[in-house]
Structure formats: structure tokens, C-alpha cells
């Protein structure tokens, strides 16, 4: 009896595996680019984070997508893509505008704005890097209103500061910050 059960499970697993390529082939892939995203190829950009283009960070069940794009001047800008495909781009007030070719927003020192998460209400969180390359957190409402925050102890030097990572449907934000000694710490910001 044990042999029949194992054989039956093996056959069912094989049938499921064979059916997967059929269901995957039926999936639709939609591509998009944020208006103003750079299109220049940068050798080695994947290893140092200096790629130009559009970089979505989160897609939530209601269909809102948020992320950032890097333009031809290696400046980062935030975007939100609505369920109808409309893309709204924005820069946080106070974001630096210095151009640093080859900088890379994720791994390097690009200045500008990047969003990391949104919730079903369309409230978006992210960070901006100022003219000193310090990170600061923000919350952006669907009407474009910004609220800025930094946890106590967040550093203000280059590469230091606040990096929000997620937001719950109720508005609680988690992330991390780098202090003046370049040590990382977690934070929770309640609404």
C-alpha cells in the first residue's frame, strides 16, 4: 500500500510539472518605462548599480506599482503606476540634483528620489538623497503631499540616514537607518 501511495504522489507531481509550462505560457507580460528614464547602456552597470532605466520596487494586489527611474544624468526620480497604466513621476522636495555619472542609486551615491513601497490607499514611502548624499525618509499621499521623517540617531553624512522599506495597509512603515558611525538599525514608524 505504501508503494502505491508513493507512486500515485510521484505521478501526480509529474503531471503538475508537465502542466506548468502550459499555464506559464498563458501569462501576460506587460512592459513599461517611466517617462524620462535613461536608455544609455553603461558597461558593468549591474555590478555597480549605475544602470539607467526604470526600476519597479513593489506591486500590490490592487495593481499599483511603485519604484524609481534613473535618467540620462544619473538622477533618480520616483514614480507610481496606476492600475490604468498612467505613470506619475515626482521628486521629493529637498532631493539633491547633483549629477554623478556611474553612481548607481541602489549601491552608489546618486542623488534624487526613490520609492520603495505603497499600500492599497496609494500612500507611497521612499527616500530621497540630498545634496550631501544623505538619505531621508518620506511618505507621499496620492494627492502629492509629502511628509518627511528620520528616526532619532539617523546620520546626516554621505551614505547615512533613513531608508524606508515597506508600508502596511494601516500606514505603519518599517525600514532601517544608518547612524553617524555607519551602523545600521531597524525602525518602525507608526501612523
Protein backbone atom coordinates (compact mmCIF):
# COMPACT_ATOMS: atom_id res chain seq x y z
CA UNK A 1 0.00 0.00 0.00
CA UNK A 2 2.86 2.35 0.83
CA UNK A 3 4.40 1.75 -2.64
CA UNK A 4 1.08 2.62 -4.35
CA UNK A 5 0.78 5.88 -2.38
CA UNK A 6 4.34 6.95 -3.25
CA UNK A 7 3.79 6.01 -6.92
CA UNK A 8 0.49 7.93 -7.02
CA UNK A 9 2.10 11.05 -5.48
CA UNK A 10 5.03 10.81 -7.92
CA UNK A 11 2.68 10.53 -10.92
CA UNK A 12 0.58 13.49 -9.70
CA UNK A 13 3.71 15.61 -9.20
CA UNK A 14 4.88 14.73 -12.72
CA UNK A 15 1.51 15.71 -14.20
CA UNK A 16 1.56 19.03 -12.35
CA UNK A 17 5.11 19.70 -13.57
CA UNK A 18 4.11 18.94 -17.17
CA UNK A 19 1.09 21.24 -16.92
CA UNK A 20 3.10 24.21 -15.59
CA UNK A 21 4.69 25.30 -18.89
CA UNK A 22 1.22 25.48 -20.43
CA UNK A 23 -0.12 27.75 -17.69
CA UNK A 24 3.05 29.88 -17.68
CA UNK A 25 2.81 30.38 -21.44
CA UNK A 26 -0.68 31.78 -20.99
CA UNK A 27 0.51 34.50 -18.61
CA UNK A 28 0.59 38.05 -19.91
CA UNK A 29 3.71 40.18 -19.52
CA UNK A 30 3.29 43.94 -19.70
CA UNK A 31 6.42 46.04 -20.08
CA UNK A 32 6.69 49.75 -19.33
CA UNK A 33 9.19 52.55 -18.85
CA UNK A 34 8.75 55.70 -16.80
CA UNK A 35 8.74 58.88 -18.91
CA UNK A 36 12.23 60.38 -18.81
CA UNK A 37 14.04 57.16 -17.94
CA UNK A 38 17.53 56.94 -19.43
CA UNK A 39 18.27 54.41 -22.14
CA UNK A 40 22.06 54.58 -22.35
CA UNK A 41 23.90 51.34 -21.80
CA UNK A 42 26.54 51.60 -19.08
CA UNK A 43 29.18 48.82 -19.11
CA UNK A 44 29.25 46.97 -15.80
CA UNK A 45 26.17 48.76 -14.51
CA UNK A 46 24.64 45.67 -12.95
CA UNK A 47 27.67 45.10 -10.76
CA UNK A 48 27.91 48.70 -9.53
CA UNK A 49 24.25 49.74 -9.67
CA UNK A 50 24.73 52.54 -12.21
CA UNK A 51 22.14 51.41 -14.74
CA UNK A 52 19.79 53.90 -16.35
CA UNK A 53 16.14 52.94 -16.83
CA UNK A 54 13.01 52.02 -14.88
CA UNK A 55 13.17 50.01 -11.63
CA UNK A 56 9.82 48.95 -10.10
CA UNK A 57 10.07 48.07 -6.42
CA UNK A 58 6.60 46.88 -5.44
CA UNK A 59 3.32 45.78 -7.00
CA UNK A 60 0.33 45.44 -4.68
CA UNK A 61 -2.82 43.35 -5.26
CA UNK A 62 -4.91 46.37 -6.33
CA UNK A 63 -2.45 46.88 -9.21
CA UNK A 64 -0.49 49.95 -8.09
CA UNK A 65 3.23 49.74 -8.89
CA UNK A 66 5.86 51.99 -7.35
CA UNK A 67 9.57 52.41 -7.95
CA UNK A 68 12.13 54.78 -9.35
CA UNK A 69 13.85 55.55 -12.62
CA UNK A 70 17.31 56.86 -13.40
CA UNK A 71 17.59 59.46 -16.17
CA UNK A 72 20.44 60.20 -18.59
CA UNK A 73 22.10 62.42 -15.95
CA UNK A 74 22.08 59.54 -13.43
CA UNK A 75 19.46 61.31 -11.32
CA UNK A 76 16.85 59.15 -9.59
CA UNK A 77 13.14 60.07 -9.66
CA UNK A 78 10.16 58.36 -8.03
CA UNK A 79 7.13 57.04 -9.88
CA UNK A 80 3.75 55.48 -9.21
CA UNK A 81 1.99 53.48 -11.94
CA UNK A 82 -1.79 53.41 -11.50
CA UNK A 83 -3.97 50.43 -12.34
CA UNK A 84 -4.88 52.02 -15.69
CA UNK A 85 -1.19 52.28 -16.67
CA UNK A 86 -0.85 56.01 -16.00
CA UNK A 87 2.61 56.82 -14.61
CA UNK A 88 3.09 59.76 -12.26
CA UNK A 89 6.70 60.84 -11.74
CA UNK A 90 7.92 63.05 -8.92
CA UNK A 91 10.88 64.38 -6.97
CA UNK A 92 10.80 64.88 -3.21
CA UNK A 93 11.38 68.48 -2.13
CA UNK A 94 14.95 68.69 -0.86
CA UNK A 95 16.26 65.90 -3.09
CA UNK A 96 19.74 66.58 -4.45
CA UNK A 97 20.19 67.36 -8.11
CA UNK A 98 23.90 66.68 -8.49
CA UNK A 99 24.86 64.56 -11.46
CA UNK A 100 27.19 61.67 -10.70
CA UNK A 101 27.78 59.54 -13.84
CA UNK A 102 28.12 55.89 -12.92
CA UNK A 103 26.85 56.46 -9.38
CA UNK A 104 24.05 53.92 -9.03
CA UNK A 105 21.13 54.81 -6.76
CA UNK A 106 20.87 51.44 -5.05
CA UNK A 107 24.56 50.74 -4.44
CA UNK A 108 26.20 54.10 -5.07
CA UNK A 109 25.67 57.76 -4.41
CA UNK A 110 23.11 59.04 -6.92
CA UNK A 111 21.09 61.93 -5.62
CA UNK A 112 17.35 62.14 -6.14
CA UNK A 113 14.19 60.29 -5.13
CA UNK A 114 13.30 56.60 -4.94
CA UNK A 115 10.11 54.94 -3.74
CA UNK A 116 10.20 51.53 -2.13
CA UNK A 117 6.60 50.64 -1.28
CA UNK A 118 2.95 51.64 -1.45
CA UNK A 119 -0.24 50.49 0.21
CA UNK A 120 -3.80 49.97 -1.12
CA UNK A 121 -4.68 53.60 -0.26
CA UNK A 122 -1.94 54.75 -2.66
CA UNK A 123 0.29 56.11 0.11
CA UNK A 124 3.89 55.72 -1.03
CA UNK A 125 7.07 55.61 1.04
CA UNK A 126 10.64 56.03 -0.02
CA UNK A 127 13.80 58.01 0.41
CA UNK A 128 15.50 60.96 -1.11
CA UNK A 129 19.19 61.76 -1.14
CA UNK A 130 20.05 65.39 -0.56
CA UNK A 131 23.00 67.38 -1.92
CA UNK A 132 25.25 65.78 0.72
CA UNK A 133 24.18 62.26 -0.35
CA UNK A 134 22.43 61.65 2.99
CA UNK A 135 19.19 59.58 2.95
CA UNK A 136 15.89 60.91 4.34
CA UNK A 137 12.56 59.11 4.55
CA UNK A 138 9.28 60.36 3.11
CA UNK A 139 5.61 59.49 2.93
CA UNK A 140 3.72 60.71 -0.17
CA UNK A 141 -0.07 60.75 -0.37
CA UNK A 142 -1.92 60.21 -3.67
CA UNK A 143 -2.50 63.98 -3.99
CA UNK A 144 1.27 64.61 -3.88
CA UNK A 145 1.64 65.82 -0.28
CA UNK A 146 4.96 64.86 1.32
CA UNK A 147 5.76 64.20 4.98
CA UNK A 148 9.44 63.72 5.86
CA UNK A 149 10.95 61.77 8.73
CA UNK A 150 14.22 60.50 10.18
CA UNK A 151 14.47 58.27 13.25
CA UNK A 152 16.39 59.72 16.22
CA UNK A 153 20.06 58.89 15.71
CA UNK A 154 19.99 58.75 11.91
CA UNK A 155 23.27 60.02 10.49
CA UNK A 156 23.46 63.03 8.19
CA UNK A 157 26.70 62.26 6.32
CA UNK A 158 27.15 60.77 2.87
CA UNK A 159 25.54 57.31 2.71
CA UNK A 160 23.96 57.73 6.16
CA UNK A 161 20.32 58.36 7.06
CA UNK A 162 16.87 56.81 6.64
CA UNK A 163 15.84 54.11 4.16
CA UNK A 164 12.14 53.10 4.39
CA UNK A 165 11.41 49.63 3.01
CA UNK A 166 7.70 48.88 3.45
CA UNK A 167 4.29 50.23 4.46
CA UNK A 168 1.29 48.28 5.76
CA UNK A 169 -2.32 48.90 4.69
CA UNK A 170 -2.77 50.77 8.00
CA UNK A 171 0.27 53.01 7.30
CA UNK A 172 2.97 51.54 9.56
CA UNK A 173 6.40 51.93 7.93
CA UNK A 174 9.46 49.75 8.50
CA UNK A 175 13.00 50.18 7.27
CA UNK A 176 16.45 50.91 8.50
CA UNK A 177 18.74 53.84 9.15
CA UNK A 178 22.49 54.30 9.17
CA UNK A 179 23.85 56.27 12.13
CA UNK A 180 26.85 58.65 12.24
CA UNK A 181 29.14 55.65 12.93
CA UNK A 182 27.86 53.91 9.76
CA UNK A 183 26.00 51.25 11.73
CA UNK A 184 22.57 50.06 10.57
CA UNK A 185 19.48 49.98 12.82
CA UNK A 186 15.87 48.98 12.17
CA UNK A 187 12.87 51.23 12.71
CA UNK A 188 9.08 51.07 12.84
CA UNK A 189 7.15 54.31 12.22
CA UNK A 190 3.53 54.02 13.31
CA UNK A 191 0.91 56.15 11.52
